[in-house]
Amino acid sequence: MSRFLPADHTKGDETTVGGYEAVHARPAALDAPDGFPYSIARMADPLADDPRGAWGAYLMFLRWRRIGEEGVEGHVETAYLEFGPTRAAVLEALGAWPLARAQDALNALLR
């Protein structure tokens, strides 16, 4: 069930991946060249082969159904886009990405 939450523009810059999520209390959604809507999820993994214990962050785009019951029917993922010493640091760096840059990443994945 959907619910309406008014945007709180004091929480960030809604033109960025993380700022949109903070302002609207939900991930940003993008239209894609394949005609499906996608939500953005920021993900991070420890880099197993890095002796310093570095982390890598990437974007996962969740593809939503257009027909039938509402739900996710697939996803695509980028390679690692940001690297840093902690999970929080790489997720913050990815959250600062402009939504237009995330849109470019999604479009590239779907080519």
N, C-alpha and C. Protein backbone atom coordinates (compact mmCIF):
# COMPACT_ATOMS: atom_id res chain seq x y z
N MET A 1 0.83 -1.17 0.00
CA MET A 1 0.00 0.00 0.00
C MET A 1 0.88 1.25 0.00
N SER A 2 0.59 2.17 -0.86
CA SER A 2 1.34 3.42 -0.95
C SER A 2 0.93 4.37 0.16
N ARG A 3 1.84 5.29 0.43
CA ARG A 3 1.51 6.34 1.38
C ARG A 3 2.19 7.61 0.90
N PHE A 4 1.58 8.72 1.19
CA PHE A 4 2.15 9.98 0.77
C PHE A 4 2.90 10.59 1.94
N LEU A 5 4.17 10.87 1.71
CA LEU A 5 4.98 11.58 2.68
C LEU A 5 5.47 12.85 2.00
N PRO A 6 5.18 14.01 2.58
CA PRO A 6 5.66 15.23 1.94
C PRO A 6 7.19 15.29 1.95
N ALA A 7 7.75 15.89 0.91
CA ALA A 7 9.20 16.04 0.83
C ALA A 7 9.69 16.97 1.93
N ASP A 8 10.85 16.64 2.49
CA ASP A 8 11.48 17.49 3.50
C ASP A 8 12.81 17.97 2.92
N HIS A 9 12.78 19.14 2.29
CA HIS A 9 13.95 19.66 1.60
C HIS A 9 15.07 20.12 2.52
N THR A 10 14.84 20.06 3.82
CA THR A 10 15.91 20.38 4.77
C THR A 10 16.89 19.22 4.92
N LYS A 11 16.54 18.05 4.39
CA LYS A 11 17.35 16.84 4.58
C LYS A 11 18.41 16.61 3.53
N GLY A 12 18.44 17.41 2.47
CA GLY A 12 19.47 17.19 1.47
C GLY A 12 19.15 17.79 0.12
N ASP A 13 19.98 17.46 -0.84
CA ASP A 13 19.85 17.94 -2.22
C ASP A 13 19.18 16.84 -3.03
N GLU A 14 17.94 17.07 -3.41
CA GLU A 14 17.18 16.02 -4.10
C GLU A 14 17.67 15.73 -5.51
N THR A 15 18.68 16.44 -5.98
CA THR A 15 19.24 16.15 -7.31
C THR A 15 20.37 15.13 -7.25
N THR A 16 20.66 14.61 -6.04
CA THR A 16 21.68 13.57 -5.88
C THR A 16 21.02 12.27 -5.47
N VAL A 17 21.73 11.18 -5.65
CA VAL A 17 21.19 9.85 -5.32
C VAL A 17 20.80 9.76 -3.84
N GLY A 18 21.72 10.12 -2.96
CA GLY A 18 21.44 10.04 -1.53
C GLY A 18 20.52 11.14 -1.04
N GLY A 19 20.67 12.34 -1.63
CA GLY A 19 19.82 13.45 -1.22
C GLY A 19 18.37 13.21 -1.56
N TYR A 20 18.10 12.64 -2.73
CA TYR A 20 16.72 12.33 -3.11
C TYR A 20 16.11 11.38 -2.10
N GLU A 21 16.86 10.36 -1.74
CA GLU A 21 16.36 9.37 -0.78
C GLU A 21 16.06 10.01 0.57
N ALA A 22 16.93 10.92 1.01
CA ALA A 22 16.72 11.60 2.29
C ALA A 22 15.51 12.53 2.24
N VAL A 23 15.39 13.31 1.19
CA VAL A 23 14.31 14.29 1.06
C VAL A 23 12.95 13.61 0.93
N HIS A 24 12.88 12.54 0.16
CA HIS A 24 11.60 11.90 -0.16
C HIS A 24 11.32 10.62 0.63
N ALA A 25 12.25 10.20 1.46
CA ALA A 25 12.11 9.00 2.29
C ALA A 25 11.86 7.75 1.44
N ARG A 26 12.48 7.72 0.27
CA ARG A 26 12.43 6.55 -0.62
C ARG A 26 13.49 6.73 -1.69
N PRO A 27 13.92 5.63 -2.30
CA PRO A 27 14.92 5.74 -3.36
C PRO A 27 14.36 6.46 -4.59
N ALA A 28 15.24 7.06 -5.34
CA ALA A 28 14.85 7.70 -6.60
C ALA A 28 14.45 6.62 -7.61
N ALA A 29 13.57 6.98 -8.51
CA ALA A 29 13.17 6.10 -9.60
C ALA A 29 13.53 6.78 -10.91
N LEU A 30 13.97 5.99 -11.87
CA LEU A 30 14.38 6.50 -13.18
C LEU A 30 13.63 5.77 -14.28
N ASP A 31 13.34 6.47 -15.36
CA ASP A 31 12.83 5.82 -16.56
C ASP A 31 14.03 5.37 -17.37
N ALA A 32 13.89 4.24 -18.04
CA ALA A 32 15.02 3.68 -18.78
C ALA A 32 14.66 3.49 -20.25
N PRO A 33 15.66 3.35 -21.10
CA PRO A 33 15.41 3.18 -22.53
C PRO A 33 14.62 1.92 -22.87
N ASP A 34 14.61 0.94 -21.98
CA ASP A 34 13.85 -0.28 -22.26
C ASP A 34 12.37 -0.13 -21.92
N GLY A 35 11.97 1.05 -21.43
CA GLY A 35 10.56 1.31 -21.13
C GLY A 35 10.13 0.94 -19.73
N PHE A 36 11.04 0.42 -18.91
CA PHE A 36 10.70 0.03 -17.55
C PHE A 36 11.16 1.10 -16.56
N PRO A 37 10.46 1.24 -15.44
CA PRO A 37 10.94 2.10 -14.37
C PRO A 37 11.92 1.31 -13.49
N TYR A 38 12.95 2.00 -13.00
CA TYR A 38 13.97 1.40 -12.14
C TYR A 38 14.14 2.24 -10.88
N SER A 39 14.29 1.59 -9.74
CA SER A 39 14.66 2.26 -8.50
C SER A 39 16.15 2.07 -8.29
N ILE A 40 16.75 3.04 -7.59
CA ILE A 40 18.19 3.00 -7.34
C ILE A 40 18.46 2.49 -5.93
N ALA A 41 19.37 1.53 -5.82
CA ALA A 41 19.85 1.07 -4.51
C ALA A 41 21.36 1.23 -4.48
N ARG A 42 21.87 1.82 -3.40
CA ARG A 42 23.32 1.92 -3.21
C ARG A 42 23.79 0.69 -2.45
N MET A 43 24.82 0.03 -2.97
CA MET A 43 25.32 -1.20 -2.38
C MET A 43 26.82 -1.08 -2.15
N ALA A 44 27.34 -1.83 -1.18
CA ALA A 44 28.78 -1.82 -0.90
C ALA A 44 29.23 -3.21 -0.45
N ASP A 45 30.44 -3.54 -0.85
CA ASP A 45 31.05 -4.82 -0.48
C ASP A 45 32.47 -4.57 0.00
N PRO A 46 32.93 -5.38 0.96
CA PRO A 46 34.36 -5.32 1.28
C PRO A 46 35.13 -5.95 0.11
N LEU A 47 36.27 -5.40 -0.21
CA LEU A 47 37.08 -5.92 -1.31
C LEU A 47 37.99 -7.00 -0.76
N ALA A 48 37.65 -8.23 -1.03
CA ALA A 48 38.31 -9.39 -0.43
C ALA A 48 39.81 -9.43 -0.72
N ASP A 49 40.23 -8.96 -1.88
CA ASP A 49 41.64 -9.05 -2.24
C ASP A 49 42.45 -7.81 -1.83
N ASP A 50 41.85 -6.91 -1.08
CA ASP A 50 42.55 -5.70 -0.65
C ASP A 50 43.04 -5.87 0.79
N PRO A 51 44.36 -5.89 0.99
CA PRO A 51 44.89 -6.12 2.34
C PRO A 51 44.59 -4.98 3.32
N ARG A 52 44.20 -3.80 2.80
CA ARG A 52 43.88 -2.68 3.68
C ARG A 52 42.43 -2.74 4.17
N GLY A 53 41.65 -3.65 3.64
CA GLY A 53 40.25 -3.76 4.04
C GLY A 53 39.36 -2.71 3.39
N ALA A 54 39.70 -2.30 2.17
CA ALA A 54 38.92 -1.28 1.47
C ALA A 54 37.54 -1.81 1.07
N TRP A 55 36.68 -0.88 0.75
CA TRP A 55 35.32 -1.18 0.31
C TRP A 55 35.09 -0.62 -1.09
N GLY A 56 34.18 -1.26 -1.81
CA GLY A 56 33.75 -0.76 -3.12
C GLY A 56 32.24 -0.60 -3.11
N ALA A 57 31.76 0.47 -3.74
CA ALA A 57 30.32 0.73 -3.81
C ALA A 57 29.86 0.72 -5.26
N TYR A 58 28.63 0.27 -5.47
CA TYR A 58 28.06 0.21 -6.80
C TYR A 58 26.57 0.51 -6.72
N LEU A 59 25.99 0.77 -7.88
CA LEU A 59 24.55 1.01 -7.96
C LEU A 59 23.85 -0.24 -8.46
N MET A 60 22.76 -0.59 -7.80
CA MET A 60 21.88 -1.65 -8.27
C MET A 60 20.58 -0.96 -8.69
N PHE A 61 20.13 -1.26 -9.89
CA PHE A 61 18.89 -0.69 -10.41
C PHE A 61 17.84 -1.80 -10.43
N LEU A 62 16.78 -1.63 -9.66
CA LEU A 62 15.71 -2.62 -9.56
C LEU A 62 14.64 -2.31 -10.60
N ARG A 63 14.36 -3.26 -11.48
CA ARG A 63 13.37 -3.09 -12.55
C ARG A 63 11.99 -3.50 -12.04
N TRP A 64 11.03 -2.59 -12.16
CA TRP A 64 9.67 -2.82 -11.68
C TRP A 64 8.78 -3.32 -12.80
N ARG A 65 7.85 -4.19 -12.45
CA ARG A 65 6.86 -4.68 -13.41
C ARG A 65 5.99 -3.54 -13.90
N ARG A 66 5.58 -3.64 -15.15
CA ARG A 66 4.63 -2.66 -15.69
C ARG A 66 3.23 -3.26 -15.77
N ILE A 67 3.14 -4.56 -15.80
CA ILE A 67 1.85 -5.22 -15.97
C ILE A 67 1.68 -6.25 -14.85
N GLY A 68 0.46 -6.36 -14.35
CA GLY A 68 0.18 -7.35 -13.31
C GLY A 68 0.47 -6.82 -11.92
N GLU A 69 0.71 -7.75 -11.02
CA GLU A 69 0.95 -7.40 -9.63
C GLU A 69 2.21 -6.56 -9.48
N GLU A 70 2.15 -5.55 -8.62
CA GLU A 70 3.30 -4.68 -8.39
C GLU A 70 4.45 -5.46 -7.79
N GLY A 71 5.65 -5.20 -8.26
CA GLY A 71 6.82 -5.85 -7.70
C GLY A 71 8.03 -5.72 -8.59
N VAL A 72 9.15 -6.13 -8.06
CA VAL A 72 10.41 -6.11 -8.80
C VAL A 72 10.50 -7.37 -9.65
N GLU A 73 10.93 -7.22 -10.91
CA GLU A 73 11.05 -8.39 -11.77
C GLU A 73 12.47 -8.60 -12.29
N GLY A 74 13.39 -7.79 -11.86
CA GLY A 74 14.77 -7.98 -12.27
C GLY A 74 15.63 -6.82 -11.81
N HIS A 75 16.91 -6.90 -12.15
CA HIS A 75 17.83 -5.82 -11.79
C HIS A 75 19.06 -5.85 -12.67
N VAL A 76 19.78 -4.74 -12.69
CA VAL A 76 21.11 -4.64 -13.30
C VAL A 76 22.01 -3.92 -12.29
N GLU A 77 23.31 -4.22 -12.36
CA GLU A 77 24.27 -3.63 -11.42
C GLU A 77 25.45 -3.05 -12.18
N THR A 78 25.99 -1.96 -11.65
CA THR A 78 27.22 -1.41 -12.20
C THR A 78 28.41 -2.17 -11.62
N ALA A 79 29.57 -1.92 -12.15
CA ALA A 79 30.82 -2.34 -11.50
C ALA A 79 31.02 -1.41 -10.29
N TYR A 80 32.06 -1.64 -9.53
CA TYR A 80 32.35 -0.73 -8.43
C TYR A 80 32.61 0.67 -8.98
N LEU A 81 31.98 1.65 -8.36
CA LEU A 81 32.08 3.04 -8.82
C LEU A 81 32.84 3.93 -7.85
N GLU A 82 32.83 3.58 -6.58
CA GLU A 82 33.52 4.36 -5.55
C GLU A 82 34.28 3.39 -4.65
N PHE A 83 35.44 3.83 -4.17
CA PHE A 83 36.27 3.02 -3.29
C PHE A 83 36.65 3.84 -2.08
N GLY A 84 36.77 3.18 -0.93
CA GLY A 84 37.16 3.90 0.27
C GLY A 84 37.43 2.95 1.42
N PRO A 85 37.78 3.52 2.59
CA PRO A 85 38.20 2.72 3.73
C PRO A 85 37.06 2.07 4.51
N THR A 86 35.84 2.61 4.38
CA THR A 86 34.71 2.06 5.15
C THR A 86 33.46 1.97 4.28
N ARG A 87 32.54 1.15 4.72
CA ARG A 87 31.25 1.03 4.02
C ARG A 87 30.54 2.37 3.99
N ALA A 88 30.51 3.05 5.12
CA ALA A 88 29.83 4.35 5.21
C ALA A 88 30.43 5.36 4.24
N ALA A 89 31.76 5.37 4.12
CA ALA A 89 32.43 6.33 3.24
C ALA A 89 32.07 6.11 1.78
N VAL A 90 32.05 4.87 1.33
CA VAL A 90 31.77 4.62 -0.09
C VAL A 90 30.29 4.84 -0.40
N LEU A 91 29.40 4.52 0.54
CA LEU A 91 27.98 4.78 0.32
C LEU A 91 27.70 6.28 0.29
N GLU A 92 28.39 7.03 1.13
CA GLU A 92 28.23 8.48 1.12
C GLU A 92 28.73 9.07 -0.19
N ALA A 93 29.87 8.59 -0.67
CA ALA A 93 30.41 9.08 -1.94
C ALA A 93 29.46 8.79 -3.09
N LEU A 94 28.87 7.62 -3.10
CA LEU A 94 27.92 7.26 -4.15
C LEU A 94 26.63 8.07 -4.00
N GLY A 95 26.24 8.36 -2.78
CA GLY A 95 25.06 9.18 -2.54
C GLY A 95 25.20 10.59 -3.04
N ALA A 96 26.43 11.08 -3.19
CA ALA A 96 26.67 12.43 -3.69
C ALA A 96 26.59 12.51 -5.21
N TRP A 97 26.49 11.37 -5.88
CA TRP A 97 26.38 11.37 -7.34
C TRP A 97 25.11 12.09 -7.77
N PRO A 98 25.19 12.96 -8.78
CA PRO A 98 23.97 13.55 -9.34
C PRO A 98 23.08 12.45 -9.94
N LEU A 99 21.78 12.64 -9.85
CA LEU A 99 20.87 11.67 -10.45
C LEU A 99 21.12 11.52 -11.95
N ALA A 100 21.52 12.59 -12.61
CA ALA A 100 21.81 12.51 -14.05
C ALA A 100 22.96 11.55 -14.32
N ARG A 101 23.94 11.51 -13.44
CA ARG A 101 25.06 10.57 -13.60
C ARG A 101 24.59 9.13 -13.39
N ALA A 102 23.70 8.93 -12.42
CA ALA A 102 23.12 7.60 -12.21
C ALA A 102 22.30 7.18 -13.42
N GLN A 103 21.55 8.13 -14.00
CA GLN A 103 20.78 7.83 -15.21
C GLN A 103 21.71 7.40 -16.34
N ASP A 104 22.83 8.10 -16.50
CA ASP A 104 23.81 7.72 -17.53
C ASP A 104 24.34 6.31 -17.30
N ALA A 105 24.59 5.96 -16.04
CA ALA A 105 25.08 4.61 -15.71
C ALA A 105 24.04 3.56 -16.07
N LEU A 106 22.77 3.83 -15.76
CA LEU A 106 21.69 2.89 -16.10
C LEU A 106 21.59 2.74 -17.61
N ASN A 107 21.57 3.86 -18.31
CA ASN A 107 21.47 3.80 -19.77
C ASN A 107 22.61 2.99 -20.38
N ALA A 108 23.82 3.16 -19.85
CA ALA A 108 24.98 2.41 -20.36
C ALA A 108 24.80 0.92 -20.13
N LEU A 109 24.25 0.54 -18.98
CA LEU A 109 24.04 -0.88 -18.69
C LEU A 109 23.03 -1.52 -19.62
N LEU A 110 22.08 -0.74 -20.09
CA LEU A 110 20.99 -1.29 -20.91
C LEU A 110 21.29 -1.22 -22.40
N ARG A 111 22.41 -0.65 -22.78
CA ARG A 111 22.79 -0.61 -24.20
C ARG A 111 23.14 -1.98 -24.69
